[in-house]
Amino acid sequence: HKAQREGIVVAEVISGLNTKMDYRVVPSAIFSSPEISAVGLTEEEA
């Protein structure tokens, strides 16, 4: 999903739009049982 967003950004930049990539919010998930997901900063990182 990060790669897909980068694909959109690059196409829009080439087409002259004022678009930039922002990595501040990139959610992640592990499809275990139960599932695991995260976004932004953890307590330790903050």
All heavy atoms as atom14 arrays in JSON, in Angstrom:
{
  "sequence": "HKAQREGIVVAEVISGLNTKMDYRVVPSAIFSSPEISAVGLTEEEA",
  "atom14_mask": [
    [1, 1, 1, 1, 1, 1, 1, 1, 1, 1, 0, 0, 0, 0],
    [1, 1, 1, 1, 1, 1, 1, 1, 1, 0, 0, 0, 0, 0],
    [1, 1, 1, 1, 1, 0, 0, 0, 0, 0, 0, 0, 0, 0],
    [1, 1, 1, 1, 1, 1, 1, 1, 1, 0, 0, 0, 0, 0],
    [1, 1, 1, 1, 1, 1, 1, 1, 1, 1, 1, 0, 0, 0],
    [1, 1, 1, 1, 1, 1, 1, 1, 1, 0, 0, 0, 0, 0],
    [1, 1, 1, 1, 0, 0, 0, 0, 0, 0, 0, 0, 0, 0],
    [1, 1, 1, 1, 1, 1, 1, 1, 0, 0, 0, 0, 0, 0],
    [1, 1, 1, 1, 1, 1, 1, 0, 0, 0, 0, 0, 0, 0],
    [1, 1, 1, 1, 1, 1, 1, 0, 0, 0, 0, 0, 0, 0],
    [1, 1, 1, 1, 1, 0, 0, 0, 0, 0, 0, 0, 0, 0],
    [1, 1, 1, 1, 1, 1, 1, 1, 1, 0, 0, 0, 0, 0],
    [1, 1, 1, 1, 1, 1, 1, 0, 0, 0, 0, 0, 0, 0],
    [1, 1, 1, 1, 1, 1, 1, 1, 0, 0, 0, 0, 0, 0],
    [1, 1, 1, 1, 1, 1, 0, 0, 0, 0, 0, 0, 0, 0],
    [1, 1, 1, 1, 0, 0, 0, 0, 0, 0, 0, 0, 0, 0],
    [1, 1, 1, 1, 1, 1, 1, 1, 0, 0, 0, 0, 0, 0],
    [1, 1, 1, 1, 1, 1, 1, 1, 0, 0, 0, 0, 0, 0],
    [1, 1, 1, 1, 1, 1, 1, 0, 0, 0, 0, 0, 0, 0],
    [1, 1, 1, 1, 1, 1, 1, 1, 1, 0, 0, 0, 0, 0],
    [1, 1, 1, 1, 1, 1, 1, 1, 0, 0, 0, 0, 0, 0],
    [1, 1, 1, 1, 1, 1, 1, 1, 0, 0, 0, 0, 0, 0],
    [1, 1, 1, 1, 1, 1, 1, 1, 1, 1, 1, 1, 0, 0],
    [1, 1, 1, 1, 1, 1, 1, 1, 1, 1, 1, 0, 0, 0],
    [1, 1, 1, 1, 1, 1, 1, 0, 0, 0, 0, 0, 0, 0],
    [1, 1, 1, 1, 1, 1, 1, 0, 0, 0, 0, 0, 0, 0],
    [1, 1, 1, 1, 1, 1, 1, 0, 0, 0, 0, 0, 0, 0],
    [1, 1, 1, 1, 1, 1, 0, 0, 0, 0, 0, 0, 0, 0],
    [1, 1, 1, 1, 1, 0, 0, 0, 0, 0, 0, 0, 0, 0],
    [1, 1, 1, 1, 1, 1, 1, 1, 0, 0, 0, 0, 0, 0],
    [1, 1, 1, 1, 1, 1, 1, 1, 1, 1, 1, 0, 0, 0],
    [1, 1, 1, 1, 1, 1, 0, 0, 0, 0, 0, 0, 0, 0],
    [1, 1, 1, 1, 1, 1, 0, 0, 0, 0, 0, 0, 0, 0],
    [1, 1, 1, 1, 1, 1, 1, 0, 0, 0, 0, 0, 0, 0],
    [1, 1, 1, 1, 1, 1, 1, 1, 1, 0, 0, 0, 0, 0],
    [1, 1, 1, 1, 1, 1, 1, 1, 0, 0, 0, 0, 0, 0],
    [1, 1, 1, 1, 1, 1, 0, 0, 0, 0, 0, 0, 0, 0],
    [1, 1, 1, 1, 1, 0, 0, 0, 0, 0, 0, 0, 0, 0],
    [1, 1, 1, 1, 1, 1, 1, 0, 0, 0, 0, 0, 0, 0],
    [1, 1, 1, 1, 0, 0, 0, 0, 0, 0, 0, 0, 0, 0],
    [1, 1, 1, 1, 1, 1, 1, 1, 0, 0, 0, 0, 0, 0],
    [1, 1, 1, 1, 1, 1, 1, 0, 0, 0, 0, 0, 0, 0],
    [1, 1, 1, 1, 1, 1, 1, 1, 1, 0, 0, 0, 0, 0],
    [1, 1, 1, 1, 1, 1, 1, 1, 1, 0, 0, 0, 0, 0],
    [1, 1, 1, 1, 1, 1, 1, 1, 1, 0, 0, 0, 0, 0],
    [1, 1, 1, 1, 1, 0, 0, 0, 0, 0, 0, 0, 0, 0]
  ],
  "atom14_positions": [
    [[0.83, -1.21, 0.0], [0.0, 0.0, 0.0], [0.87, 1.26, 0.0], [0.47, 2.29, -0.57], [-0.98, 0.0, 1.17], [-0.41, -0.39, 2.48], [-0.19, -1.7, 2.83], [-0.02, 0.35, 3.55], [0.31, -1.75, 4.06], [0.43, -0.52, 4.51], [0.0, 0.0, 0.0], [0.0, 0.0, 0.0], [0.0, 0.0, 0.0], [0.0, 0.0, 0.0]],
    [[2.03, 1.21, 0.62], [2.98, 2.32, 0.53], [3.44, 2.47, -0.92], [3.5, 3.58, -1.46], [4.16, 2.08, 1.44], [5.4, 2.93, 1.13], [6.58, 2.48, 1.96], [7.91, 3.0, 1.44], [8.39, 2.32, 0.22], [0.0, 0.0, 0.0], [0.0, 0.0, 0.0], [0.0, 0.0, 0.0], [0.0, 0.0, 0.0], [0.0, 0.0, 0.0]],
    [[3.76, 1.35, -1.56], [4.21, 1.37, -2.95], [3.13, 1.93, -3.87], [3.42, 2.7, -4.8], [4.6, -0.04, -3.39], [0.0, 0.0, 0.0], [0.0, 0.0, 0.0], [0.0, 0.0, 0.0], [0.0, 0.0, 0.0], [0.0, 0.0, 0.0], [0.0, 0.0, 0.0], [0.0, 0.0, 0.0], [0.0, 0.0, 0.0], [0.0, 0.0, 0.0]],
    [[1.88, 1.56, -3.63], [0.79, 2.06, -4.46], [0.67, 3.59, -4.33], [0.46, 4.27, -5.34], [-0.52, 1.38, -4.08], [-0.57, -0.08, -4.48], [-1.88, -0.74, -4.13], [-2.6, -0.29, -3.25], [-2.2, -1.83, -4.8], [0.0, 0.0, 0.0], [0.0, 0.0, 0.0], [0.0, 0.0, 0.0], [0.0, 0.0, 0.0], [0.0, 0.0, 0.0]],
    [[0.78, 4.08, -3.13], [0.72, 5.54, -2.93], [1.87, 6.21, -3.66], [1.69, 7.27, -4.29], [0.73, 5.88, -1.44], [0.7, 7.38, -1.15], [-0.51, 8.06, -1.74], [-0.42, 9.51, -1.63], [-1.18, 10.36, -2.29], [-2.1, 9.91, -3.13], [-1.04, 11.67, -2.14], [0.0, 0.0, 0.0], [0.0, 0.0, 0.0], [0.0, 0.0, 0.0]],
    [[3.06, 5.64, -3.59], [4.21, 6.19, -4.31], [3.96, 6.2, -5.81], [4.35, 7.14, -6.51], [5.46, 5.38, -3.98], [5.95, 5.59, -2.55], [7.01, 4.6, -2.12], [7.19, 3.56, -2.81], [7.66, 4.84, -1.08], [0.0, 0.0, 0.0], [0.0, 0.0, 0.0], [0.0, 0.0, 0.0], [0.0, 0.0, 0.0], [0.0, 0.0, 0.0]],
    [[3.28, 5.16, -6.31], [2.95, 5.11, -7.73], [2.02, 6.24, -8.14], [2.18, 6.84, -9.21], [0.0, 0.0, 0.0], [0.0, 0.0, 0.0], [0.0, 0.0, 0.0], [0.0, 0.0, 0.0], [0.0, 0.0, 0.0], [0.0, 0.0, 0.0], [0.0, 0.0, 0.0], [0.0, 0.0, 0.0], [0.0, 0.0, 0.0], [0.0, 0.0, 0.0]],
    [[1.05, 6.54, -7.29], [0.14, 7.66, -7.57], [0.9, 8.99, -7.54], [0.73, 9.83, -8.42], [-1.01, 7.66, -6.54], [-1.93, 6.46, -6.8], [-1.81, 8.97, -6.61], [-2.98, 6.26, -5.73], [0.0, 0.0, 0.0], [0.0, 0.0, 0.0], [0.0, 0.0, 0.0], [0.0, 0.0, 0.0], [0.0, 0.0, 0.0], [0.0, 0.0, 0.0]],
    [[1.75, 9.14, -6.5], [2.51, 10.39, -6.37], [3.37, 10.64, -7.6], [3.38, 11.74, -8.17], [3.38, 10.37, -5.1], [4.38, 11.52, -5.11], [2.51, 10.44, -3.85], [0.0, 0.0, 0.0], [0.0, 0.0, 0.0], [0.0, 0.0, 0.0], [0.0, 0.0, 0.0], [0.0, 0.0, 0.0], [0.0, 0.0, 0.0], [0.0, 0.0, 0.0]],
    [[4.11, 9.63, -8.05], [5.04, 9.84, -9.16], [4.29, 10.16, -10.45], [4.72, 11.02, -11.24], [5.97, 8.62, -9.34], [5.24, 7.42, -9.9], [7.15, 8.98, -10.23], [0.0, 0.0, 0.0], [0.0, 0.0, 0.0], [0.0, 0.0, 0.0], [0.0, 0.0, 0.0], [0.0, 0.0, 0.0], [0.0, 0.0, 0.0], [0.0, 0.0, 0.0]],
    [[3.15, 9.51, -10.67], [2.37, 9.8, -11.88], [1.85, 11.22, -11.86], [1.83, 11.91, -12.9], [1.22, 8.8, -12.0], [0.0, 0.0, 0.0], [0.0, 0.0, 0.0], [0.0, 0.0, 0.0], [0.0, 0.0, 0.0], [0.0, 0.0, 0.0], [0.0, 0.0, 0.0], [0.0, 0.0, 0.0], [0.0, 0.0, 0.0], [0.0, 0.0, 0.0]],
    [[1.43, 11.69, -10.69], [0.9, 13.04, -10.59], [2.01, 14.08, -10.7], [1.8, 15.15, -11.31], [0.13, 13.19, -9.27], [-1.14, 12.35, -9.25], [-1.96, 12.53, -7.99], [-1.49, 13.2, -7.05], [-3.1, 11.99, -7.96], [0.0, 0.0, 0.0], [0.0, 0.0, 0.0], [0.0, 0.0, 0.0], [0.0, 0.0, 0.0], [0.0, 0.0, 0.0]],
    [[3.18, 13.79, -10.15], [4.32, 14.71, -10.29], [4.71, 14.86, -11.76], [4.9, 15.97, -12.26], [5.52, 14.2, -9.46], [6.8, 14.96, -9.84], [5.26, 14.36, -7.98], [0.0, 0.0, 0.0], [0.0, 0.0, 0.0], [0.0, 0.0, 0.0], [0.0, 0.0, 0.0], [0.0, 0.0, 0.0], [0.0, 0.0, 0.0], [0.0, 0.0, 0.0]],
    [[4.81, 13.74, -12.46], [5.16, 13.77, -13.88], [4.1, 14.55, -14.68], [4.42, 15.25, -15.64], [5.3, 12.33, -14.43], [6.58, 11.69, -13.88], [5.3, 12.31, -15.96], [6.72, 10.21, -14.19], [0.0, 0.0, 0.0], [0.0, 0.0, 0.0], [0.0, 0.0, 0.0], [0.0, 0.0, 0.0], [0.0, 0.0, 0.0], [0.0, 0.0, 0.0]],
    [[2.86, 14.48, -14.23], [1.76, 15.16, -14.93], [1.61, 16.62, -14.53], [0.67, 17.29, -14.96], [0.45, 14.41, -14.69], [0.54, 13.07, -15.14], [0.0, 0.0, 0.0], [0.0, 0.0, 0.0], [0.0, 0.0, 0.0], [0.0, 0.0, 0.0], [0.0, 0.0, 0.0], [0.0, 0.0, 0.0], [0.0, 0.0, 0.0], [0.0, 0.0, 0.0]],
    [[2.51, 17.09, -13.68], [2.51, 18.51, -13.34], [1.72, 18.9, -12.11], [1.57, 20.09, -11.82], [0.0, 0.0, 0.0], [0.0, 0.0, 0.0], [0.0, 0.0, 0.0], [0.0, 0.0, 0.0], [0.0, 0.0, 0.0], [0.0, 0.0, 0.0], [0.0, 0.0, 0.0], [0.0, 0.0, 0.0], [0.0, 0.0, 0.0], [0.0, 0.0, 0.0]],
    [[1.2, 17.89, -11.38], [0.45, 18.2, -10.16], [1.4, 18.42, -8.99], [2.49, 17.86, -8.95], [-0.53, 17.07, -9.84], [-1.57, 16.74, -10.92], [-2.49, 15.62, -10.45], [-2.38, 17.97, -11.29], [0.0, 0.0, 0.0], [0.0, 0.0, 0.0], [0.0, 0.0, 0.0], [0.0, 0.0, 0.0], [0.0, 0.0, 0.0], [0.0, 0.0, 0.0]],
    [[0.97, 19.2, -8.04], [1.81, 19.51, -6.87], [1.56, 18.45, -5.79], [0.89, 18.68, -4.8], [1.48, 20.91, -6.34], [2.39, 21.3, -5.18], [3.51, 20.79, -5.07], [1.92, 22.18, -4.32], [0.0, 0.0, 0.0], [0.0, 0.0, 0.0], [0.0, 0.0, 0.0], [0.0, 0.0, 0.0], [0.0, 0.0, 0.0], [0.0, 0.0, 0.0]],
    [[2.13, 17.28, -6.0], [1.93, 16.14, -5.1], [3.27, 15.72, -4.51], [4.27, 15.7, -5.21], [1.3, 14.95, -5.85], [0.14, 15.38, -6.55], [0.92, 13.83, -4.88], [0.0, 0.0, 0.0], [0.0, 0.0, 0.0], [0.0, 0.0, 0.0], [0.0, 0.0, 0.0], [0.0, 0.0, 0.0], [0.0, 0.0, 0.0], [0.0, 0.0, 0.0]],
    [[3.26, 15.37, -3.23], [4.48, 14.91, -2.57], [4.14, 13.69, -1.71], [3.03, 13.53, -1.23], [5.09, 16.02, -1.7], [5.64, 17.19, -2.51], [6.21, 18.27, -1.6], [6.92, 19.35, -2.4], [6.05, 20.0, -3.4], [0.0, 0.0, 0.0], [0.0, 0.0, 0.0], [0.0, 0.0, 0.0], [0.0, 0.0, 0.0], [0.0, 0.0, 0.0]],
    [[5.14, 12.86, -1.5], [4.96, 11.66, -0.68], [5.14, 12.0, 0.79], [6.1, 12.65, 1.17], [5.96, 10.58, -1.1], [5.74, 9.24, -0.43], [4.16, 8.49, -0.89], [4.01, 7.25, 0.41], [0.0, 0.0, 0.0], [0.0, 0.0, 0.0], [0.0, 0.0, 0.0], [0.0, 0.0, 0.0], [0.0, 0.0, 0.0], [0.0, 0.0, 0.0]],
    [[4.18, 11.55, 1.61], [4.22, 11.79, 3.04], [4.21, 10.43, 3.74], [3.25, 9.68, 3.64], [3.0, 12.61, 3.47], [2.96, 12.87, 4.97], [3.94, 12.55, 5.66], [1.94, 13.39, 5.45], [0.0, 0.0, 0.0], [0.0, 0.0, 0.0], [0.0, 0.0, 0.0], [0.0, 0.0, 0.0], [0.0, 0.0, 0.0], [0.0, 0.0, 0.0]],
    [[5.3, 10.12, 4.46], [5.42, 8.83, 5.13], [4.99, 8.87, 6.6], [5.19, 7.91, 7.33], [6.86, 8.32, 5.04], [7.3, 8.0, 3.63], [8.17, 8.85, 2.95], [6.85, 6.86, 2.99], [8.58, 8.56, 1.66], [7.26, 6.56, 1.69], [8.13, 7.42, 1.03], [8.52, 7.12, -0.25], [0.0, 0.0, 0.0], [0.0, 0.0, 0.0]],
    [[4.41, 9.97, 7.01], [4.03, 10.1, 8.41], [2.99, 9.06, 8.82], [2.98, 8.58, 9.95], [3.49, 11.52, 8.66], [3.25, 11.87, 10.12], [2.87, 13.34, 10.24], [1.66, 13.65, 9.49], [0.43, 13.66, 10.03], [0.28, 13.39, 11.31], [-0.62, 13.96, 9.29], [0.0, 0.0, 0.0], [0.0, 0.0, 0.0], [0.0, 0.0, 0.0]],
    [[2.1, 8.74, 7.9], [1.02, 7.8, 8.21], [1.02, 6.65, 7.21], [0.45, 6.75, 6.13], [-0.35, 8.51, 8.2], [-1.44, 7.54, 8.64], [-0.33, 9.73, 9.1], [0.0, 0.0, 0.0], [0.0, 0.0, 0.0], [0.0, 0.0, 0.0], [0.0, 0.0, 0.0], [0.0, 0.0, 0.0], [0.0, 0.0, 0.0], [0.0, 0.0, 0.0]],
    [[1.7, 5.57, 7.58], [1.7, 4.35, 6.76], [1.35, 3.18, 7.67], [2.19, 2.67, 8.41], [3.07, 4.09, 6.1], [3.01, 2.84, 5.23], [3.52, 5.3, 5.27], [0.0, 0.0, 0.0], [0.0, 0.0, 0.0], [0.0, 0.0, 0.0], [0.0, 0.0, 0.0], [0.0, 0.0, 0.0], [0.0, 0.0, 0.0], [0.0, 0.0, 0.0]],
    [[0.08, 2.78, 7.68], [-0.3, 1.65, 8.54], [0.34, 0.35, 8.07], [0.67, 0.2, 6.89], [-1.83, 1.6, 8.4], [-2.11, 2.23, 7.08], [-1.05, 3.28, 6.89], [0.0, 0.0, 0.0], [0.0, 0.0, 0.0], [0.0, 0.0, 0.0], [0.0, 0.0, 0.0], [0.0, 0.0, 0.0], [0.0, 0.0, 0.0], [0.0, 0.0, 0.0]],
    [[0.52, -0.57, 9.01], [1.06, -1.89, 8.67], [0.21, -2.95, 9.33], [-0.47, -2.69, 10.33], [2.52, -2.01, 9.12], [2.61, -1.88, 10.54], [0.0, 0.0, 0.0], [0.0, 0.0, 0.0], [0.0, 0.0, 0.0], [0.0, 0.0, 0.0], [0.0, 0.0, 0.0], [0.0, 0.0, 0.0], [0.0, 0.0, 0.0], [0.0, 0.0, 0.0]],
    [[0.26, -4.15, 8.77], [-0.53, -5.25, 9.35], [0.17, -6.57, 9.13], [0.84, -6.78, 8.1], [-1.93, -5.28, 8.74], [0.0, 0.0, 0.0], [0.0, 0.0, 0.0], [0.0, 0.0, 0.0], [0.0, 0.0, 0.0], [0.0, 0.0, 0.0], [0.0, 0.0, 0.0], [0.0, 0.0, 0.0], [0.0, 0.0, 0.0], [0.0, 0.0, 0.0]],
    [[0.05, -7.45, 10.11], [0.49, -8.83, 9.99], [-0.75, -9.69, 10.14], [-1.49, -9.58, 11.13], [1.54, -9.18, 11.06], [2.79, -8.31, 10.87], [1.91, -10.66, 10.98], [3.85, -8.52, 11.93], [0.0, 0.0, 0.0], [0.0, 0.0, 0.0], [0.0, 0.0, 0.0], [0.0, 0.0, 0.0], [0.0, 0.0, 0.0], [0.0, 0.0, 0.0]],
    [[-0.99, -10.56, 9.16], [-2.24, -11.31, 9.12], [-2.09, -12.65, 9.83], [-2.32, -13.71, 9.26], [-2.71, -11.46, 7.68], [-3.08, -10.14, 7.05], [-2.1, -9.31, 6.53], [-4.39, -9.72, 7.03], [-2.42, -8.07, 5.98], [-4.73, -8.49, 6.48], [-3.75, -7.66, 5.96], [0.0, 0.0, 0.0], [0.0, 0.0, 0.0], [0.0, 0.0, 0.0]],
    [[-1.68, -12.56, 11.09], [-1.56, -13.74, 11.93], [-2.92, -14.03, 12.55], [-3.94, -13.5, 12.1], [-0.5, -13.48, 13.0], [-0.76, -12.26, 13.68], [0.0, 0.0, 0.0], [0.0, 0.0, 0.0], [0.0, 0.0, 0.0], [0.0, 0.0, 0.0], [0.0, 0.0, 0.0], [0.0, 0.0, 0.0], [0.0, 0.0, 0.0], [0.0, 0.0, 0.0]],
    [[-2.94, -14.83, 13.59], [-4.2, -15.11, 14.26], [-3.97, -15.05, 15.77], [-3.39, -15.96, 16.34], [-4.72, -16.5, 13.88], [-5.93, -16.79, 14.53], [0.0, 0.0, 0.0], [0.0, 0.0, 0.0], [0.0, 0.0, 0.0], [0.0, 0.0, 0.0], [0.0, 0.0, 0.0], [0.0, 0.0, 0.0], [0.0, 0.0, 0.0], [0.0, 0.0, 0.0]],
    [[-4.37, -13.92, 16.43], [-5.09, -12.79, 15.86], [-4.16, -11.89, 15.04], [-2.94, -12.05, 15.07], [-5.61, -12.06, 17.1], [-4.57, -12.34, 18.14], [-4.14, -13.76, 17.88], [0.0, 0.0, 0.0], [0.0, 0.0, 0.0], [0.0, 0.0, 0.0], [0.0, 0.0, 0.0], [0.0, 0.0, 0.0], [0.0, 0.0, 0.0], [0.0, 0.0, 0.0]],
    [[-4.78, -10.94, 14.34], [-4.01, -10.03, 13.51], [-3.27, -8.99, 14.35], [-3.61, -8.73, 15.5], [-4.93, -9.33, 12.51], [-5.53, -10.27, 11.48], [-6.42, -9.56, 10.48], [-6.77, -8.38, 10.7], [-6.78, -10.19, 9.47], [0.0, 0.0, 0.0], [0.0, 0.0, 0.0], [0.0, 0.0, 0.0], [0.0, 0.0, 0.0], [0.0, 0.0, 0.0]],
    [[-2.26, -8.39, 13.71], [-1.45, -7.35, 14.36], [-1.39, -6.16, 13.42], [-1.17, -6.32, 12.21], [-0.01, -7.86, 14.61], [-0.03, -9.15, 15.44], [0.84, -6.79, 15.28], [1.25, -9.98, 15.29], [0.0, 0.0, 0.0], [0.0, 0.0, 0.0], [0.0, 0.0, 0.0], [0.0, 0.0, 0.0], [0.0, 0.0, 0.0], [0.0, 0.0, 0.0]],
    [[-1.6, -4.95, 13.94], [-1.51, -3.77, 13.09], [-0.97, -2.6, 13.88], [-1.01, -2.58, 15.12], [-2.86, -3.42, 12.47], [-3.79, -3.06, 13.48], [0.0, 0.0, 0.0], [0.0, 0.0, 0.0], [0.0, 0.0, 0.0], [0.0, 0.0, 0.0], [0.0, 0.0, 0.0], [0.0, 0.0, 0.0], [0.0, 0.0, 0.0], [0.0, 0.0, 0.0]],
    [[-0.46, -1.61, 13.16], [0.12, -0.43, 13.81], [0.12, 0.74, 12.84], [0.11, 0.57, 11.62], [1.54, -0.71, 14.29], [0.0, 0.0, 0.0], [0.0, 0.0, 0.0], [0.0, 0.0, 0.0], [0.0, 0.0, 0.0], [0.0, 0.0, 0.0], [0.0, 0.0, 0.0], [0.0, 0.0, 0.0], [0.0, 0.0, 0.0], [0.0, 0.0, 0.0]],
    [[0.16, 1.95, 13.41], [0.29, 3.16, 12.61], [0.94, 4.23, 13.48], [0.75, 4.24, 14.7], [-1.08, 3.65, 12.07], [-1.96, 4.18, 13.18], [-0.89, 4.69, 10.98], [0.0, 0.0, 0.0], [0.0, 0.0, 0.0], [0.0, 0.0, 0.0], [0.0, 0.0, 0.0], [0.0, 0.0, 0.0], [0.0, 0.0, 0.0], [0.0, 0.0, 0.0]],
    [[1.7, 5.11, 12.86], [2.31, 6.2, 13.6], [3.35, 5.74, 14.59], [4.04, 4.73, 14.39], [0.0, 0.0, 0.0], [0.0, 0.0, 0.0], [0.0, 0.0, 0.0], [0.0, 0.0, 0.0], [0.0, 0.0, 0.0], [0.0, 0.0, 0.0], [0.0, 0.0, 0.0], [0.0, 0.0, 0.0], [0.0, 0.0, 0.0], [0.0, 0.0, 0.0]],
    [[3.47, 6.45, 15.71], [4.5, 6.19, 16.71], [4.03, 5.25, 17.81], [2.88, 5.3, 18.22], [4.95, 7.51, 17.36], [5.54, 8.58, 16.43], [5.87, 9.84, 17.24], [6.78, 8.07, 15.72], [0.0, 0.0, 0.0], [0.0, 0.0, 0.0], [0.0, 0.0, 0.0], [0.0, 0.0, 0.0], [0.0, 0.0, 0.0], [0.0, 0.0, 0.0]],
    [[4.96, 4.41, 18.27], [4.69, 3.64, 19.48], [5.03, 4.51, 20.69], [5.63, 5.58, 20.57], [5.55, 2.37, 19.53], [6.93, 2.74, 19.62], [5.34, 1.51, 18.29], [0.0, 0.0, 0.0], [0.0, 0.0, 0.0], [0.0, 0.0, 0.0], [0.0, 0.0, 0.0], [0.0, 0.0, 0.0], [0.0, 0.0, 0.0], [0.0, 0.0, 0.0]],
    [[4.68, 4.02, 21.86], [5.0, 4.74, 23.1], [6.51, 4.96, 23.22], [6.97, 6.07, 23.55], [4.49, 3.95, 24.3], [4.79, 4.58, 25.64], [4.23, 3.79, 26.81], [3.49, 2.8, 26.58], [4.52, 4.15, 27.97], [0.0, 0.0, 0.0], [0.0, 0.0, 0.0], [0.0, 0.0, 0.0], [0.0, 0.0, 0.0], [0.0, 0.0, 0.0]],
    [[7.29, 3.92, 22.92], [8.75, 4.02, 23.03], [9.33, 5.01, 22.03], [10.23, 5.8, 22.35], [9.37, 2.64, 22.85], [9.02, 1.67, 23.98], [9.47, 0.25, 23.7], [10.43, 0.09, 22.93], [8.86, -0.69, 24.25], [0.0, 0.0, 0.0], [0.0, 0.0, 0.0], [0.0, 0.0, 0.0], [0.0, 0.0, 0.0], [0.0, 0.0, 0.0]],
    [[8.82, 4.98, 20.8], [9.33, 5.9, 19.77], [9.0, 7.35, 20.11], [9.83, 8.25, 19.9], [8.74, 5.52, 18.41], [9.3, 4.22, 17.85], [8.53, 3.73, 16.64], [7.32, 4.04, 16.52], [9.12, 3.01, 15.81], [0.0, 0.0, 0.0], [0.0, 0.0, 0.0], [0.0, 0.0, 0.0], [0.0, 0.0, 0.0], [0.0, 0.0, 0.0]],
    [[7.82, 7.59, 20.63], [7.42, 8.95, 21.01], [8.32, 9.49, 22.11], [8.77, 10.65, 22.06], [5.96, 8.97, 21.45], [0.0, 0.0, 0.0], [0.0, 0.0, 0.0], [0.0, 0.0, 0.0], [0.0, 0.0, 0.0], [0.0, 0.0, 0.0], [0.0, 0.0, 0.0], [0.0, 0.0, 0.0], [0.0, 0.0, 0.0], [0.0, 0.0, 0.0]]
  ]
}
